[in-house]
């Protein structure tokens, strides 16, 4: 019998960054049993299963809760916290969702055996908000799958054609349509670009509307010309979509890590991203960084990553080199080591 139990409450819905983290680790961890509801449970039902049912299924084994929350009844537990948005920016969230996380997370962090933060930025925010002992919070960064590194021209061409796009002739942004992703400012900056540039390169926006049970609604208003809202797309398409873009734009106001930026780096696509939260820690010097609250600066950055060939050449080479410092194998290996250490220490 496995000596570690994986809390799989979040599995079963549409793919998010947190779900990708859980899936990638589940594929790699050894001696771990996955426990999840018999059917996908959203909202209150999911939390009730986690708090009331899951503790009775563990049977004394170590619980690994990889998605921000876990049962308060279980102290023999390792918890992964991906960000502290409910504390830093509750105004971006559904009030009930924010209140629940603000109530449970500090108590849980102080109760469990160890906490994993996916970036040093997130670790510092956890320490700030929970006053937990610093030695109990460790940083294990996310990874990027090898399938995101630059693909064959034939595969990119085939994928782009199926979506009505031309390789190298579009700008891409990926992310849930929610307030912190900062899309309204990106669209306003897009309006400032020279008309000939906007007409020649559509801005492709990939991502569905965030769940109303979690996020406040994001109203975009009238879209600028040549902006394509593609909604949610299949995960299998993403690597080729990254590779085919002339540039990738990720101007999020707040990220606990920022997987899309790392995936775009792996593809060798020039990246324009934010100079705040965990994003500088992830991209290093392999992306152009700007103030995501300054529309003029965003427009300046867009112009550079699209037209400055010297910069584009540098970012094209630097991106994959930076991305190779992150891998899910490394993330899983460090997580496995921590889980075994905690399991043996009981």
Protein backbone atom coordinates (compact mmCIF):
# COMPACT_ATOMS: atom_id res chain seq x y z
CA UNK A 1 0.00 0.00 0.00
CA UNK A 2 1.19 3.49 -0.83
CA UNK A 3 2.52 5.43 2.16
CA UNK A 4 1.46 8.79 0.69
CA UNK A 5 -2.03 9.84 -0.40
CA UNK A 6 -2.52 12.50 -3.08
CA UNK A 7 -5.52 14.79 -2.59
CA UNK A 8 -7.06 14.89 -6.06
CA UNK A 9 -10.07 17.08 -5.30
CA UNK A 10 -9.35 19.54 -8.15
CA UNK A 11 -9.00 16.94 -10.89
CA UNK A 12 -11.80 16.44 -13.38
CA UNK A 13 -12.56 19.99 -14.51
CA UNK A 14 -11.08 22.10 -17.31
CA UNK A 15 -7.29 22.35 -17.23
CA UNK A 16 -5.76 25.16 -15.17
CA UNK A 17 -2.19 25.82 -14.04
CA UNK A 18 -2.91 24.19 -10.68
CA UNK A 19 -4.41 21.13 -12.34
CA UNK A 20 -1.41 20.86 -14.65
CA UNK A 21 0.83 20.86 -11.57
CA UNK A 22 -1.20 18.07 -9.96
CA UNK A 23 -1.29 15.96 -13.14
CA UNK A 24 2.43 16.33 -13.89
CA UNK A 25 3.39 15.32 -10.32
CA UNK A 26 0.90 12.44 -10.19
CA UNK A 27 2.52 10.98 -13.33
CA UNK A 28 5.95 11.01 -11.70
CA UNK A 29 5.59 10.46 -7.95
CA UNK A 30 6.24 6.94 -6.62
CA UNK A 31 4.45 5.22 -3.74
CA UNK A 32 1.51 7.59 -3.94
CA UNK A 33 -2.19 6.69 -4.07
CA UNK A 34 -4.59 9.13 -5.71
CA UNK A 35 -7.82 9.82 -3.83
CA UNK A 36 -10.50 11.93 -5.47
CA UNK A 37 -14.30 12.22 -5.43
CA UNK A 38 -16.23 9.66 -7.45
CA UNK A 39 -17.34 12.54 -9.69
CA UNK A 40 -15.98 16.08 -10.16
CA UNK A 41 -17.20 18.30 -7.33
CA UNK A 42 -17.10 22.09 -7.65
CA UNK A 43 -17.34 24.74 -4.99
CA UNK A 44 -18.88 23.90 -1.62
CA UNK A 45 -19.42 20.23 -2.47
CA UNK A 46 -15.72 19.80 -3.28
CA UNK A 47 -14.62 21.49 -0.07
CA UNK A 48 -17.06 19.39 1.99
CA UNK A 49 -15.59 16.20 0.48
CA UNK A 50 -12.09 17.46 1.25
CA UNK A 51 -12.85 18.47 4.84
CA UNK A 52 -15.22 15.66 5.90
CA UNK A 53 -14.72 12.61 3.67
CA UNK A 54 -11.04 12.64 2.73
CA UNK A 55 -9.69 12.47 6.34
CA UNK A 56 -11.41 9.09 6.81
CA UNK A 57 -9.83 7.64 3.66
CA UNK A 58 -6.21 8.39 4.58
CA UNK A 59 -5.84 5.73 7.30
CA UNK A 60 -2.79 7.23 8.98
CA UNK A 61 -0.79 7.83 5.81
CA UNK A 62 0.82 11.13 4.82
CA UNK A 63 -1.52 13.37 2.84
CA UNK A 64 -0.16 15.51 0.00
CA UNK A 65 -2.59 18.33 -0.82
CA UNK A 66 -1.21 20.01 -3.98
CA UNK A 67 -3.86 22.65 -4.68
CA UNK A 68 -3.93 25.37 -1.99
CA UNK A 69 -6.28 23.72 0.51
CA UNK A 70 -6.58 20.51 2.48
CA UNK A 71 -8.50 19.08 5.44
CA UNK A 72 -7.97 20.94 8.70
CA UNK A 73 -8.39 17.67 10.63
CA UNK A 74 -5.14 16.28 9.17
CA UNK A 75 -1.84 17.52 10.60
CA UNK A 76 0.26 14.80 8.93
CA UNK A 77 0.08 16.63 5.62
CA UNK A 78 2.19 18.47 3.04
CA UNK A 79 0.40 21.40 1.40
CA UNK A 80 1.27 23.26 -1.81
CA UNK A 81 0.29 26.94 -1.94
CA UNK A 82 0.40 28.39 -5.46
CA UNK A 83 -0.34 32.02 -4.63
CA UNK A 84 -1.88 34.28 -1.98
CA UNK A 85 -4.32 36.23 -4.17
CA UNK A 86 -7.21 35.90 -1.64
CA UNK A 87 -5.05 37.82 0.85
CA UNK A 88 -3.28 40.30 -1.41
CA UNK A 89 -6.18 41.04 -3.78
CA UNK A 90 -9.53 39.75 -2.53
CA UNK A 91 -11.24 42.36 -4.72
CA UNK A 92 -10.46 40.23 -7.79
CA UNK A 93 -12.38 37.25 -6.43
CA UNK A 94 -15.87 36.17 -5.61
CA UNK A 95 -16.33 37.46 -2.01
CA UNK A 96 -17.38 34.07 -0.62
CA UNK A 97 -14.42 32.34 -2.26
CA UNK A 98 -11.98 34.94 -0.90
CA UNK A 99 -13.48 34.74 2.59
CA UNK A 100 -13.21 30.95 2.67
CA UNK A 101 -9.54 30.94 1.68
CA UNK A 102 -8.66 33.78 4.05
CA UNK A 103 -10.24 31.75 6.86
CA UNK A 104 -8.80 28.31 6.12
CA UNK A 105 -5.33 28.81 4.62
CA UNK A 106 -3.56 30.44 7.63
CA UNK A 107 -4.93 27.78 9.97
CA UNK A 108 -3.96 25.00 7.59
CA UNK A 109 -0.46 26.37 6.92
CA UNK A 110 0.26 26.53 10.65
CA UNK A 111 -1.12 23.00 11.21
CA UNK A 112 0.46 20.90 8.45
CA UNK A 113 3.93 19.36 8.63
CA UNK A 114 5.38 21.25 5.66
CA UNK A 115 4.31 23.79 3.05
CA UNK A 116 5.55 23.90 -0.56
CA UNK A 117 5.66 27.30 -2.27
CA UNK A 118 6.06 27.28 -6.06
CA UNK A 119 8.30 30.38 -6.04
CA UNK A 120 10.32 32.45 -3.60
CA UNK A 121 7.82 35.26 -4.15
CA UNK A 122 4.98 33.02 -2.99
CA UNK A 123 7.01 31.81 -0.01
CA UNK A 124 7.54 35.37 1.18
CA UNK A 125 3.82 36.14 0.82
CA UNK A 126 2.92 32.99 2.81
CA UNK A 127 5.28 34.01 5.60
CA UNK A 128 3.85 37.52 5.58
CA UNK A 129 0.24 36.42 5.87
CA UNK A 130 0.45 33.36 8.13
CA UNK A 131 3.41 33.99 10.48
CA UNK A 132 4.37 30.32 10.10
CA UNK A 133 7.93 29.28 11.02
CA UNK A 134 10.11 30.01 7.94
CA UNK A 135 11.83 26.62 8.03
CA UNK A 136 8.50 24.88 7.44
CA UNK A 137 7.96 26.56 4.05
CA UNK A 138 10.14 25.28 1.21
CA UNK A 139 10.37 26.43 -2.40
CA UNK A 140 9.93 23.80 -5.11
CA UNK A 141 9.40 25.53 -8.44
CA UNK A 142 7.10 24.36 -11.20
CA UNK A 143 8.41 22.80 -14.39
CA UNK A 144 7.79 22.80 -18.11
CA UNK A 145 7.18 19.74 -20.24
CA UNK A 146 9.55 18.88 -23.09
CA UNK A 147 6.64 19.02 -25.54
CA UNK A 148 6.65 22.85 -25.30
CA UNK A 149 10.14 23.23 -26.75
CA UNK A 150 10.25 24.38 -30.36
CA UNK A 151 8.37 22.05 -32.67
CA UNK A 152 8.75 21.13 -36.32
CA UNK A 153 7.63 23.73 -38.84
CA UNK A 154 5.26 21.16 -40.34
CA UNK A 155 3.38 20.62 -37.07
CA UNK A 156 3.19 24.35 -36.36
CA UNK A 157 1.90 25.00 -39.89
CA UNK A 158 -0.74 22.28 -39.57
CA UNK A 159 -2.00 23.54 -36.21
CA UNK A 160 -2.08 27.18 -37.26
CA UNK A 161 -3.93 26.34 -40.46
CA UNK A 162 -6.60 24.47 -38.49
CA UNK A 163 -7.18 27.65 -36.45
CA UNK A 164 -7.14 30.04 -39.39
CA UNK A 165 -3.74 31.48 -38.44
CA UNK A 166 -0.42 31.92 -40.24
CA UNK A 167 2.84 30.97 -38.44
CA UNK A 168 4.81 34.03 -37.42
CA UNK A 169 1.90 36.31 -38.24
CA UNK A 170 0.05 36.60 -34.91
CA UNK A 171 0.64 37.72 -31.33
CA UNK A 172 -0.51 35.35 -28.60
CA UNK A 173 -1.71 35.71 -25.03
CA UNK A 174 -2.95 32.79 -22.89
CA UNK A 175 -4.82 32.90 -19.60
CA UNK A 176 -8.17 32.71 -17.88
CA UNK A 177 -10.28 35.82 -18.47
CA UNK A 178 -10.12 37.20 -14.94
CA UNK A 179 -9.12 40.60 -13.49
CA UNK A 180 -5.51 39.86 -12.54
CA UNK A 181 -4.60 38.76 -16.09
CA UNK A 182 -4.81 42.46 -17.02
CA UNK A 183 -6.29 41.98 -20.48
CA UNK A 184 -8.08 45.37 -20.64
CA UNK A 185 -4.73 47.21 -20.37
CA UNK A 186 -3.19 44.91 -22.99
CA UNK A 187 -6.08 45.73 -25.35
CA UNK A 188 -5.70 49.45 -24.71
CA UNK A 189 -1.96 49.23 -25.42
CA UNK A 190 -2.79 47.27 -28.58
CA UNK A 191 -4.86 50.25 -29.77
CA UNK A 192 -1.75 52.44 -29.52
CA UNK A 193 0.32 50.35 -31.94
CA UNK A 194 0.76 51.66 -35.49
CA UNK A 195 -2.27 50.78 -37.60
CA UNK A 196 -0.21 48.85 -40.15
CA UNK A 197 1.24 46.63 -37.40
CA UNK A 198 -2.16 45.86 -35.87
CA UNK A 199 -3.66 45.10 -39.27
CA UNK A 200 -0.83 42.74 -40.19
CA UNK A 201 -0.63 40.80 -36.87
CA UNK A 202 -3.83 39.77 -35.08
CA UNK A 203 -3.78 39.52 -31.29
CA UNK A 204 -4.97 36.00 -30.43
CA UNK A 205 -6.47 35.67 -26.93
CA UNK A 206 -6.72 32.09 -25.65
CA UNK A 207 -8.61 31.33 -22.44
CA UNK A 208 -12.13 30.97 -21.13
CA UNK A 209 -14.03 33.17 -18.71
CA UNK A 210 -13.09 32.42 -15.11
CA UNK A 211 -15.66 30.60 -12.96
CA UNK A 212 -18.10 32.98 -11.31
CA UNK A 213 -17.75 30.97 -8.09
CA UNK A 214 -14.09 32.05 -7.94
CA UNK A 215 -13.51 35.22 -9.97
CA UNK A 216 -15.32 38.50 -10.41
CA UNK A 217 -16.58 38.89 -13.98
CA UNK A 218 -14.20 40.55 -16.43
CA UNK A 219 -15.88 42.94 -18.86
CA UNK A 220 -13.73 43.75 -21.88
CA UNK A 221 -15.97 46.26 -23.63
CA UNK A 222 -15.57 46.92 -27.34
CA UNK A 223 -12.56 45.06 -28.70
CA UNK A 224 -9.90 46.84 -30.78
CA UNK A 225 -9.64 45.82 -34.45
CA UNK A 226 -7.97 42.50 -35.28
CA UNK A 227 -8.32 40.92 -31.81
CA UNK A 228 -9.43 37.28 -31.86
CA UNK A 229 -11.02 35.78 -28.73
CA UNK A 230 -10.55 32.05 -29.20
CA UNK A 231 -11.81 30.89 -25.81
CA UNK A 232 -10.62 27.63 -24.34
CA UNK A 233 -8.59 25.38 -26.66
CA UNK A 234 -7.38 21.83 -26.25
CA UNK A 235 -4.12 21.42 -24.33
CA UNK A 236 -2.60 19.39 -27.16
CA UNK A 237 -2.76 22.44 -29.43
CA UNK A 238 -0.93 24.83 -27.10
CA UNK A 239 2.72 23.88 -27.87
CA UNK A 240 2.31 24.53 -31.59
CA UNK A 241 0.33 27.70 -30.92
CA UNK A 242 3.19 29.05 -28.76
CA UNK A 243 5.77 28.09 -31.38
CA UNK A 244 3.88 29.75 -34.21
CA UNK A 245 3.44 33.13 -32.51
CA UNK A 246 5.58 36.10 -33.45
CA UNK A 247 5.49 37.15 -29.79
CA UNK A 248 3.84 36.06 -26.54
CA UNK A 249 2.30 38.64 -24.20
CA UNK A 250 1.69 37.88 -20.52
CA UNK A 251 1.11 41.09 -18.58
CA UNK A 252 -0.48 39.57 -15.48
CA UNK A 253 -0.72 41.83 -12.45
CA UNK A 254 -0.02 38.96 -10.06
CA UNK A 255 1.33 35.42 -10.44
CA UNK A 256 2.45 32.89 -7.88
CA UNK A 257 4.57 31.39 -10.67
CA UNK A 258 3.39 32.02 -14.25
CA UNK A 259 3.42 28.77 -16.27
CA UNK A 260 2.33 30.28 -19.61
CA UNK A 261 5.36 32.59 -19.67
CA UNK A 262 7.69 29.63 -19.05
CA UNK A 263 5.98 27.54 -21.74
CA UNK A 264 6.40 30.35 -24.26
CA UNK A 265 10.10 30.67 -23.34
CA UNK A 266 10.51 26.95 -24.04
CA UNK A 267 9.02 27.46 -27.49
CA UNK A 268 11.64 30.12 -28.28
CA UNK A 269 8.93 32.75 -28.78
CA UNK A 270 9.88 36.31 -27.69
CA UNK A 271 8.04 37.06 -24.45
CA UNK A 272 6.76 40.37 -23.08
CA UNK A 273 5.79 40.01 -19.43
CA UNK A 274 5.32 41.82 -16.11
CA UNK A 275 8.09 43.15 -13.90
CA UNK A 276 6.28 42.15 -10.70
CA UNK A 277 5.24 39.20 -8.49
CA UNK A 278 6.90 35.87 -9.39
CA UNK A 279 7.30 36.51 -13.12
CA UNK A 280 10.81 38.07 -13.01
CA UNK A 281 11.91 35.09 -10.90
CA UNK A 282 10.64 32.71 -13.59
CA UNK A 283 11.76 34.41 -16.81
CA UNK A 284 15.06 35.87 -15.57
CA UNK A 285 16.72 37.86 -18.36
CA UNK A 286 15.08 35.78 -21.10
CA UNK A 287 12.04 38.06 -21.55
CA UNK A 288 11.31 41.75 -21.90
CA UNK A 289 9.66 43.01 -18.70
CA UNK A 290 7.47 46.10 -18.29
CA UNK A 291 5.20 47.69 -15.71
CA UNK A 292 1.82 45.99 -16.30
CA UNK A 293 -0.10 49.01 -14.97
CA UNK A 294 1.46 51.43 -17.47
CA UNK A 295 -0.34 51.25 -20.81
CA UNK A 296 2.27 53.39 -22.61
CA UNK A 297 5.04 51.09 -21.37
CA UNK A 298 3.11 48.01 -22.49
CA UNK A 299 2.67 49.53 -25.95
CA UNK A 300 6.40 50.32 -26.07
CA UNK A 301 7.21 46.73 -25.11
CA UNK A 302 4.84 45.32 -27.74
CA UNK A 303 6.53 47.41 -30.39
CA UNK A 304 9.98 46.18 -29.36
CA UNK A 305 9.23 42.45 -29.25
CA UNK A 306 7.48 42.69 -32.61
CA UNK A 307 9.91 44.89 -34.54
CA UNK A 308 13.35 44.95 -32.86
CA UNK A 309 15.10 42.10 -34.69
CA UNK A 310 18.21 42.20 -32.49
CA UNK A 311 16.08 41.82 -29.36
CA UNK A 312 13.95 39.14 -30.98
CA UNK A 313 17.04 37.12 -31.92
CA UNK A 314 18.35 37.33 -28.35
CA UNK A 315 15.02 36.30 -26.80
CA UNK A 316 14.60 33.46 -29.29
CA UNK A 317 17.85 31.91 -28.03
CA UNK A 318 17.59 32.90 -24.37
CA UNK A 319 14.07 31.56 -23.86
CA UNK A 320 14.75 27.84 -24.29
CA UNK A 321 18.02 28.14 -22.35
CA UNK A 322 16.12 29.62 -19.41
CA UNK A 323 13.27 27.11 -19.68
CA UNK A 324 15.69 24.16 -19.50
CA UNK A 325 16.41 25.16 -15.90
CA UNK A 326 12.86 24.05 -15.05
CA UNK A 327 11.41 20.57 -15.53
CA UNK A 328 8.57 18.54 -14.06
CA UNK A 329 11.05 15.72 -13.45
CA UNK A 330 13.05 18.04 -11.19
CA UNK A 331 9.89 19.31 -9.48
CA UNK A 332 8.71 15.75 -8.85
CA UNK A 333 12.12 14.60 -7.61
CA UNK A 334 12.32 17.42 -5.04
CA UNK A 335 8.71 16.82 -4.00
CA UNK A 336 9.28 13.07 -3.65
CA UNK A 337 12.28 13.71 -1.43
CA UNK A 338 10.26 16.05 0.79
CA UNK A 339 7.31 13.66 1.06
CA UNK A 340 9.58 10.77 2.03
CA UNK A 341 11.34 12.92 4.63
CA UNK A 342 8.04 13.98 6.22
CA UNK A 343 6.56 10.45 6.06
CA UNK A 344 9.56 8.97 7.86
CA UNK A 345 9.65 11.71 10.49
CA UNK A 346 6.23 10.87 11.96
